[in-house]
């Protein structure tokens, strides 16, 4: 059953063909883009929220609409003993968003990025045309979807590969006190055939946690990370942990990584709030709404904090240098950095990582105190520069500070310009630079 996909597609195409001017996506789930400044909203908002269904699960192939969330996907596939090759850890990330962004997880060393599981996609172009793309049909668009962020078109439907999954995941965490030993143990784990997931957290050069995890059919005891335990603290307290597979895949969602305050009120909230409110989507809507109303009422005050919500990737041989630079130059106020190894089977057109090469992903997901006298977004700027200096690349779901020329050099601007001319000649969608870069003087 396709839940009326073909009829929805036809109506959407007809509506858009008769419209004029720029367009941008509107959806009902919370956005997992973390721009440091508001984007231009003068474009007509295109509501694709009805394209949110799992169409079918057959023979380890998922047929799904683009705005379906990964939670809805896992709910449909897990009863069949299957999950996506890569499942981003926040429940309300959408399938289409993770493909046109760069979706990662702790098994990227084995399966690549989210888009590496894509078989084919139906893409809505800005002029109302809907084209199918794959490795053999509109292959230039297929290879350019990753890191395009909806600036070439929107994914309405995708077919993706699935993999077998057991009911539980067994996590084993080792605390380490040396950066080089930590990194070498992480690299070595990528070569163990029975390891499914690898991830690290670190707080200082002598407080580093390496977690390797495997699917398992049975669990002697299952941790409760919705009501009782906070995941990132649990794995430091208990080196041996079992979770249901769904809880593992979305392990950072109940506490939005580590962004819920450690106060009595929030402890009560964790314990008793409805499950519908114990997720990152609710928290982001709440925080965004609260800040919006405080500004409208003139009550918002600068608390001296700013976001540092970013991911950077460098070739593995530069991992120690990036790690030490982050530890030496950035203060996270007691929150951890998160790292994972990545190896992709192919090089996307707009995201220049080398195929079959091990990379090191460094992530930070929190608010930080602004360092005195350094200007806004100082930590983002210095980490961006260091990443590029080390031959790395950063994800664009947040904000970056680059000139148009620098941006085009890093993200293959010449190829993007050709694709833009072919698939959005009327420039009804913003360019990738317009959507993802901030002015250098910001």
Protein backbone atom coordinates (compact mmCIF):
# COMPACT_ATOMS: atom_id res chain seq x y z
CA UNK A 1 0.00 0.00 0.00
CA UNK A 2 1.47 3.36 -0.98
CA UNK A 3 -0.84 5.60 1.14
CA UNK A 4 -1.80 7.57 -1.98
CA UNK A 5 1.76 8.52 -2.85
CA UNK A 6 1.12 8.78 -6.59
CA UNK A 7 -1.97 10.96 -6.09
CA UNK A 8 -0.14 13.24 -3.64
CA UNK A 9 2.76 13.51 -6.04
CA UNK A 10 0.51 14.46 -8.95
CA UNK A 11 -1.34 17.15 -7.00
CA UNK A 12 1.90 18.62 -5.70
CA UNK A 13 3.46 18.80 -9.15
CA UNK A 14 0.41 20.52 -10.61
CA UNK A 15 0.31 23.07 -7.80
CA UNK A 16 3.97 23.96 -8.09
CA UNK A 17 3.99 24.19 -11.88
CA UNK A 18 1.42 26.97 -11.73
CA UNK A 19 3.26 28.99 -9.10
CA UNK A 20 5.91 31.66 -9.45
CA UNK A 21 8.78 32.89 -7.28
CA UNK A 22 11.10 31.20 -4.83
CA UNK A 23 10.10 28.24 -2.67
CA UNK A 24 11.28 26.66 0.56
CA UNK A 25 10.30 23.55 2.46
CA UNK A 26 7.67 23.64 5.19
CA UNK A 27 7.16 20.63 7.47
CA UNK A 28 5.52 19.78 10.78
CA UNK A 29 8.43 18.02 12.43
CA UNK A 30 11.05 20.17 14.13
CA UNK A 31 14.05 21.13 12.06
CA UNK A 32 17.40 19.56 12.83
CA UNK A 33 19.24 22.42 11.17
CA UNK A 34 21.00 24.64 13.70
CA UNK A 35 21.65 27.91 11.91
CA UNK A 36 23.30 30.57 14.03
CA UNK A 37 21.17 33.30 12.43
CA UNK A 38 17.69 33.32 10.83
CA UNK A 39 17.49 32.50 7.13
CA UNK A 40 15.67 34.54 4.49
CA UNK A 41 11.97 33.60 4.68
CA UNK A 42 10.70 35.60 1.70
CA UNK A 43 10.24 32.46 -0.39
CA UNK A 44 6.91 30.71 -0.67
CA UNK A 45 6.66 27.88 1.85
CA UNK A 46 5.94 24.50 0.27
CA UNK A 47 4.17 22.10 2.64
CA UNK A 48 5.38 18.54 2.07
CA UNK A 49 4.34 17.26 5.50
CA UNK A 50 1.92 14.71 4.00
CA UNK A 51 4.86 12.87 2.43
CA UNK A 52 5.65 11.22 5.76
CA UNK A 53 4.70 7.55 5.37
CA UNK A 54 6.56 4.28 5.25
CA UNK A 55 5.25 2.75 2.02
CA UNK A 56 6.62 -0.79 2.30
CA UNK A 57 9.34 -3.01 3.76
CA UNK A 58 10.18 -5.93 1.49
CA UNK A 59 13.27 -8.12 1.20
CA UNK A 60 15.47 -5.75 3.22
CA UNK A 61 14.41 -2.80 1.04
CA UNK A 62 12.63 0.20 2.54
CA UNK A 63 10.27 2.22 0.35
CA UNK A 64 9.54 5.45 2.20
CA UNK A 65 8.37 9.01 1.71
CA UNK A 66 10.89 11.77 2.25
CA UNK A 67 9.44 13.38 5.35
CA UNK A 68 9.01 10.14 7.28
CA UNK A 69 11.01 10.30 10.49
CA UNK A 70 13.60 7.72 11.39
CA UNK A 71 11.52 6.80 14.42
CA UNK A 72 8.61 5.86 12.16
CA UNK A 73 11.01 3.91 9.94
CA UNK A 74 12.46 1.92 12.86
CA UNK A 75 8.96 1.25 14.19
CA UNK A 76 8.08 -0.25 10.80
CA UNK A 77 11.27 -2.24 10.21
CA UNK A 78 12.29 -3.47 13.67
CA UNK A 79 9.39 -5.96 14.01
CA UNK A 80 10.84 -7.60 10.87
CA UNK A 81 14.31 -7.72 12.41
CA UNK A 82 15.62 -4.94 10.15
CA UNK A 83 16.88 -1.38 10.52
CA UNK A 84 18.42 1.19 8.14
CA UNK A 85 22.15 0.83 7.54
CA UNK A 86 22.57 4.20 9.29
CA UNK A 87 19.98 5.54 11.74
CA UNK A 88 20.71 9.07 13.01
CA UNK A 89 20.34 9.27 16.78
CA UNK A 90 17.54 11.87 16.92
CA UNK A 91 14.09 10.44 16.32
CA UNK A 92 12.62 13.28 14.29
CA UNK A 93 15.33 13.53 11.67
CA UNK A 94 13.62 12.79 8.36
CA UNK A 95 14.78 10.34 5.72
CA UNK A 96 14.99 13.01 3.03
CA UNK A 97 16.76 15.42 5.33
CA UNK A 98 19.41 12.86 6.27
CA UNK A 99 20.06 12.04 2.61
CA UNK A 100 20.46 15.62 1.38
CA UNK A 101 22.35 16.43 4.57
CA UNK A 102 25.12 14.13 5.74
CA UNK A 103 23.59 11.68 8.19
CA UNK A 104 26.04 9.91 10.50
CA UNK A 105 25.99 7.34 13.28
CA UNK A 106 28.29 5.04 15.21
CA UNK A 107 28.29 2.39 12.46
CA UNK A 108 29.47 4.76 9.70
CA UNK A 109 32.84 3.00 9.71
CA UNK A 110 31.06 -0.05 8.32
CA UNK A 111 28.21 1.33 6.20
CA UNK A 112 29.17 4.89 5.25
CA UNK A 113 26.68 7.76 5.56
CA UNK A 114 22.86 7.60 5.39
CA UNK A 115 22.94 8.34 1.66
CA UNK A 116 25.19 5.33 1.04
CA UNK A 117 22.14 3.13 1.64
CA UNK A 118 20.08 4.96 -1.01
CA UNK A 119 19.01 2.94 -4.07
CA UNK A 120 16.83 5.51 -5.83
CA UNK A 121 14.87 8.66 -5.07
CA UNK A 122 12.01 10.71 -6.48
CA UNK A 123 13.06 14.35 -6.35
CA UNK A 124 10.73 17.35 -6.63
CA UNK A 125 12.40 20.10 -8.63
CA UNK A 126 11.58 23.76 -8.11
CA UNK A 127 9.61 24.04 -11.37
CA UNK A 128 7.24 21.22 -10.38
CA UNK A 129 8.91 18.40 -12.30
CA UNK A 130 9.46 15.18 -10.36
CA UNK A 131 12.43 13.14 -11.51
CA UNK A 132 13.64 9.73 -10.46
CA UNK A 133 17.36 9.38 -9.86
CA UNK A 134 19.66 6.43 -9.20
CA UNK A 135 23.09 5.25 -10.29
CA UNK A 136 21.67 4.70 -13.78
CA UNK A 137 18.99 7.40 -14.13
CA UNK A 138 19.76 11.11 -13.62
CA UNK A 139 22.92 9.83 -11.99
CA UNK A 140 24.48 13.30 -11.72
CA UNK A 141 21.62 14.39 -9.45
CA UNK A 142 21.77 11.12 -7.51
CA UNK A 143 25.47 11.65 -6.72
CA UNK A 144 24.86 15.31 -5.82
CA UNK A 145 21.96 14.82 -3.40
CA UNK A 146 24.25 14.40 -0.35
CA UNK A 147 25.14 17.81 1.08
CA UNK A 148 22.76 19.63 -1.27
CA UNK A 149 20.34 20.49 1.58
CA UNK A 150 17.30 20.84 -0.66
CA UNK A 151 18.91 23.43 -2.91
CA UNK A 152 18.60 21.18 -5.99
CA UNK A 153 15.23 19.67 -5.06
CA UNK A 154 13.31 17.85 -2.34
CA UNK A 155 13.15 14.10 -1.88
CA UNK A 156 9.56 12.88 -1.97
CA UNK A 157 10.27 9.15 -1.94
CA UNK A 158 13.33 6.97 -1.40
CA UNK A 159 14.25 3.32 -1.65
CA UNK A 160 16.93 2.32 0.82
CA UNK A 161 18.78 -0.79 1.90
CA UNK A 162 18.13 -2.29 5.32
CA UNK A 163 20.24 -4.63 7.45
CA UNK A 164 19.45 -7.37 9.97
CA UNK A 165 19.14 -6.26 13.59
CA UNK A 166 18.80 -8.23 16.82
CA UNK A 167 16.43 -7.07 19.60
CA UNK A 168 19.21 -5.72 21.84
CA UNK A 169 22.59 -4.01 21.71
CA UNK A 170 25.41 -4.82 24.13
CA UNK A 171 27.67 -1.83 24.89
CA UNK A 172 31.13 -2.16 26.41
CA UNK A 173 32.90 1.02 27.47
CA UNK A 174 36.57 1.42 28.35
CA UNK A 175 37.84 4.49 30.18
CA UNK A 176 41.22 5.65 28.91
CA UNK A 177 43.72 8.33 29.92
CA UNK A 178 45.81 8.85 26.78
CA UNK A 179 44.64 10.42 23.51
CA UNK A 180 46.89 8.33 21.25
CA UNK A 181 45.92 5.05 22.93
CA UNK A 182 42.24 6.02 22.73
CA UNK A 183 42.49 6.71 19.01
CA UNK A 184 44.47 3.56 18.27
CA UNK A 185 41.95 1.42 20.15
CA UNK A 186 39.14 3.05 18.19
CA UNK A 187 40.90 2.42 14.87
CA UNK A 188 41.63 -1.19 15.81
CA UNK A 189 37.96 -1.74 16.67
CA UNK A 190 37.00 -0.84 13.09
CA UNK A 191 38.86 -3.97 11.96
CA UNK A 192 36.95 -6.34 14.27
CA UNK A 193 34.33 -8.12 12.19
CA UNK A 194 31.90 -8.62 15.09
CA UNK A 195 31.78 -4.96 16.15
CA UNK A 196 28.69 -3.13 14.88
CA UNK A 197 29.02 0.30 16.51
CA UNK A 198 31.96 2.44 17.69
CA UNK A 199 31.79 5.76 19.48
CA UNK A 200 33.86 7.84 21.87
CA UNK A 201 33.24 10.61 24.37
CA UNK A 202 35.99 12.67 25.93
CA UNK A 203 36.22 15.48 28.44
CA UNK A 204 39.97 15.99 28.84
CA UNK A 205 43.25 14.41 27.69
CA UNK A 206 42.98 11.92 30.56
CA UNK A 207 39.22 11.25 30.60
CA UNK A 208 38.29 9.46 27.39
CA UNK A 209 35.55 6.84 26.96
CA UNK A 210 35.56 4.34 24.10
CA UNK A 211 32.35 2.39 23.50
CA UNK A 212 32.09 -0.61 21.18
CA UNK A 213 28.72 -2.29 20.73
CA UNK A 214 27.25 -5.42 19.16
CA UNK A 215 23.78 -6.71 18.40
CA UNK A 216 22.63 -9.53 20.68
CA UNK A 217 19.56 -11.73 20.87
CA UNK A 218 19.36 -11.70 24.68
CA UNK A 219 20.00 -9.22 27.47
CA UNK A 220 20.39 -10.13 31.16
CA UNK A 221 19.22 -6.64 32.15
CA UNK A 222 18.05 -3.70 30.04
CA UNK A 223 18.84 -0.13 31.09
CA UNK A 224 16.03 2.44 31.11
CA UNK A 225 17.36 5.61 29.45
CA UNK A 226 13.94 7.22 29.19
CA UNK A 227 13.03 7.41 32.88
CA UNK A 228 15.94 6.31 35.03
CA UNK A 229 19.34 6.68 33.41
CA UNK A 230 20.96 9.46 31.39
CA UNK A 231 22.77 7.65 28.61
CA UNK A 232 26.06 9.52 28.43
CA UNK A 233 26.48 9.29 32.21
CA UNK A 234 25.37 5.68 32.34
CA UNK A 235 28.16 4.39 30.09
CA UNK A 236 30.79 6.04 32.29
CA UNK A 237 29.26 4.63 35.46
CA UNK A 238 28.70 1.11 34.07
CA UNK A 239 31.16 -0.29 31.52
CA UNK A 240 28.74 -3.08 30.54
CA UNK A 241 25.26 -1.97 29.40
CA UNK A 242 22.41 -3.54 27.44
CA UNK A 243 19.76 -1.51 25.61
CA UNK A 244 16.89 -2.39 23.33
CA UNK A 245 17.98 -1.78 19.76
CA UNK A 246 15.55 1.10 19.34
CA UNK A 247 16.81 2.74 22.53
CA UNK A 248 20.38 2.35 21.34
CA UNK A 249 19.68 3.85 17.93
CA UNK A 250 18.03 6.88 19.57
CA UNK A 251 20.13 6.87 22.74
CA UNK A 252 20.79 10.63 22.76
CA UNK A 253 17.22 11.64 21.98
CA UNK A 254 15.66 11.53 25.49
CA UNK A 255 18.11 14.13 26.83
CA UNK A 256 18.96 15.88 23.55
CA UNK A 257 22.51 14.64 24.03
CA UNK A 258 23.37 16.47 27.28
CA UNK A 259 21.27 19.59 26.96
CA UNK A 260 18.61 19.08 29.62
CA UNK A 261 19.56 20.90 32.84
CA UNK A 262 20.50 18.88 35.92
CA UNK A 263 17.91 20.49 38.22
CA UNK A 264 15.20 19.08 40.43
CA UNK A 265 12.47 20.22 38.06
CA UNK A 266 14.05 18.55 35.09
CA UNK A 267 14.72 15.36 37.06
CA UNK A 268 10.99 15.25 37.82
CA UNK A 269 10.27 15.94 34.13
CA UNK A 270 12.52 13.06 33.05
CA UNK A 271 10.75 10.68 35.39
CA UNK A 272 7.11 11.57 34.79
CA UNK A 273 6.62 13.60 31.59
CA UNK A 274 4.64 11.87 28.82
CA UNK A 275 6.84 10.01 26.38
CA UNK A 276 5.64 12.39 23.64
CA UNK A 277 7.52 15.17 25.47
CA UNK A 278 10.69 13.18 26.12
CA UNK A 279 12.38 13.74 22.80
CA UNK A 280 14.65 16.19 21.05
CA UNK A 281 11.89 17.41 18.74
CA UNK A 282 9.79 18.62 21.67
CA UNK A 283 12.77 20.24 23.38
CA UNK A 284 13.81 22.13 20.27
CA UNK A 285 10.28 23.41 19.65
CA UNK A 286 10.04 24.45 23.30
CA UNK A 287 13.36 26.31 23.33
CA UNK A 288 12.72 27.99 19.98
CA UNK A 289 9.22 29.05 21.05
CA UNK A 290 10.39 30.29 24.43
CA UNK A 291 13.16 32.42 22.92
CA UNK A 292 10.83 33.77 20.24
CA UNK A 293 8.30 34.94 22.84
CA UNK A 294 10.97 36.42 25.11
CA UNK A 295 12.21 38.51 22.18
CA UNK A 296 8.70 39.62 21.25
CA UNK A 297 8.03 40.69 24.83
CA UNK A 298 11.38 42.43 25.15
CA UNK A 299 12.43 40.08 27.94
CA UNK A 300 15.25 38.25 26.19
CA UNK A 301 18.68 38.85 27.70
CA UNK A 302 22.08 37.92 26.37
CA UNK A 303 23.45 35.36 28.83
CA UNK A 304 26.90 35.33 27.28
CA UNK A 305 26.35 31.95 25.63
CA UNK A 306 26.20 30.88 22.01
CA UNK A 307 25.74 27.57 20.18
CA UNK A 308 28.61 25.26 19.29
CA UNK A 309 26.64 22.63 17.40
CA UNK A 310 28.88 21.27 14.69
CA UNK A 311 30.56 18.21 13.17
CA UNK A 312 34.02 18.18 11.60
CA UNK A 313 35.75 15.33 9.77
CA UNK A 314 39.47 14.90 9.09
CA UNK A 315 41.52 12.02 7.67
CA UNK A 316 42.32 9.55 10.44
CA UNK A 317 46.02 10.41 10.52
CA UNK A 318 45.07 13.95 11.64
CA UNK A 319 42.69 12.81 14.40
CA UNK A 320 45.10 13.36 17.29
CA UNK A 321 45.93 16.87 16.13
CA UNK A 322 42.28 17.88 15.84
CA UNK A 323 41.50 16.32 19.23
CA UNK A 324 44.32 18.12 21.02
CA UNK A 325 43.47 21.41 19.30
CA UNK A 326 39.86 21.13 20.51
CA UNK A 327 40.93 20.27 24.06
CA UNK A 328 43.52 23.05 24.20
CA UNK A 329 41.42 25.84 22.70
CA UNK A 330 37.73 25.23 23.47
CA UNK A 331 35.96 25.20 26.84
CA UNK A 332 32.74 23.16 26.93
CA UNK A 333 31.91 23.71 30.60
CA UNK A 334 32.07 20.04 31.56
CA UNK A 335 30.17 18.66 28.57
CA UNK A 336 31.80 15.99 26.40
CA UNK A 337 33.03 15.93 22.84
CA UNK A 338 31.73 13.02 20.77
CA UNK A 339 33.72 11.17 18.12
CA UNK A 340 33.25 8.28 15.70
CA UNK A 341 35.19 6.69 12.82
CA UNK A 342 33.74 6.97 9.31
CA UNK A 343 34.51 5.19 6.06
CA UNK A 344 32.34 5.78 3.00
CA UNK A 345 32.23 3.55 -0.11
CA UNK A 346 31.84 6.49 -2.51
CA UNK A 347 32.68 10.18 -2.83
CA UNK A 348 29.58 12.40 -3.21
CA UNK A 349 29.89 15.26 -5.67
CA UNK A 350 29.36 17.98 -3.07
CA UNK A 351 31.01 16.41 -0.01
CA UNK A 352 34.67 15.71 -0.80
CA UNK A 353 35.61 12.81 1.43
CA UNK A 354 37.73 10.10 -0.17
CA UNK A 355 36.11 6.71 -0.70
CA UNK A 356 37.38 3.73 1.32
CA UNK A 357 39.41 6.04 3.58
CA UNK A 358 39.04 6.17 7.35
CA UNK A 359 37.97 9.57 8.70
CA UNK A 360 37.56 10.89 12.21
CA UNK A 361 34.37 12.75 13.06
CA UNK A 362 34.46 15.24 15.94
CA UNK A 363 31.13 16.59 17.16
CA UNK A 364 30.01 19.16 19.68
CA UNK A 365 26.36 19.70 20.61
CA UNK A 366 25.87 22.31 23.31
CA UNK A 367 25.80 25.97 24.28
CA UNK A 368 29.14 27.47 25.31
CA UNK A 369 30.25 30.59 27.11
CA UNK A 370 31.65 33.18 24.72
CA UNK A 371 35.36 33.72 25.37
CA UNK A 372 36.06 37.30 26.39
CA UNK A 373 37.17 39.67 23.67
CA UNK A 374 37.05 37.11 20.87
CA UNK A 375 33.84 38.08 19.06
CA UNK A 376 30.85 35.95 18.19
CA UNK A 377 31.21 32.28 17.27
CA UNK A 378 34.94 32.28 17.97
CA UNK A 379 35.09 28.56 18.71
CA UNK A 380 33.25 27.69 15.49
CA UNK A 381 35.61 29.86 13.47
CA UNK A 382 38.84 28.44 14.88
CA UNK A 383 37.66 24.83 14.63
CA UNK A 384 36.51 25.38 11.04
CA UNK A 385 39.92 26.78 10.14
CA UNK A 386 41.74 23.93 11.85
CA UNK A 387 39.57 21.31 10.17
CA UNK A 388 40.18 22.74 6.70
CA UNK A 389 43.89 23.17 7.46
CA UNK A 390 44.05 19.43 8.27
CA UNK A 391 42.48 18.49 4.96
CA UNK A 392 39.06 17.92 6.48
CA UNK A 393 35.50 18.95 5.76
CA UNK A 394 32.61 19.99 7.99
CA UNK A 395 28.92 19.25 7.88
CA UNK A 396 26.64 22.12 6.90
CA UNK A 397 23.56 21.47 9.07
CA UNK A 398 24.75 24.33 11.27
CA UNK A 399 26.58 27.49 10.16
CA UNK A 400 30.00 28.12 8.72
CA UNK A 401 32.01 31.24 7.98
CA UNK A 402 33.57 31.14 4.52
CA UNK A 403 33.75 33.44 1.54
CA UNK A 404 31.99 32.29 -1.61
CA UNK A 405 35.36 31.42 -3.17
CA UNK A 406 36.49 29.37 -0.16
CA UNK A 407 33.12 27.64 0.06
CA UNK A 408 33.24 26.71 -3.62
CA UNK A 409 36.76 25.36 -3.24
CA UNK A 410 35.82 23.08 -0.33
CA UNK A 411 32.41 21.94 -1.60
CA UNK A 412 33.02 21.62 -5.35
CA UNK A 413 31.33 24.83 -6.38
CA UNK A 414 32.04 24.40 -10.09
CA UNK A 415 30.15 21.10 -10.24
CA UNK A 416 27.36 22.56 -8.10
CA UNK A 417 26.94 25.49 -10.51
CA UNK A 418 26.44 23.09 -13.43
CA UNK A 419 23.90 21.06 -11.48
CA UNK A 420 22.05 24.20 -10.39
CA UNK A 421 21.77 25.36 -13.98
CA UNK A 422 20.40 21.97 -15.05
CA UNK A 423 17.96 21.23 -12.22
CA UNK A 424 17.00 24.72 -10.96
CA UNK A 425 17.68 27.12 -13.85
CA UNK A 426 15.14 29.61 -12.51
CA UNK A 427 16.95 29.82 -9.16
CA UNK A 428 13.70 29.30 -7.30
CA UNK A 429 15.60 27.52 -4.53
CA UNK A 430 18.45 29.18 -2.61
CA UNK A 431 22.01 28.21 -3.44
CA UNK A 432 23.98 25.99 -1.09
CA UNK A 433 26.17 28.93 -0.10
CA UNK A 434 23.14 31.13 0.59
CA UNK A 435 21.58 28.44 2.75
CA UNK A 436 24.60 27.33 4.75
CA UNK A 437 27.19 30.14 5.00
CA UNK A 438 27.15 33.20 7.23
CA UNK A 439 28.80 36.53 6.41
CA UNK A 440 32.45 36.58 7.44
CA UNK A 441 31.85 39.73 9.48
CA UNK A 442 28.91 38.18 11.41
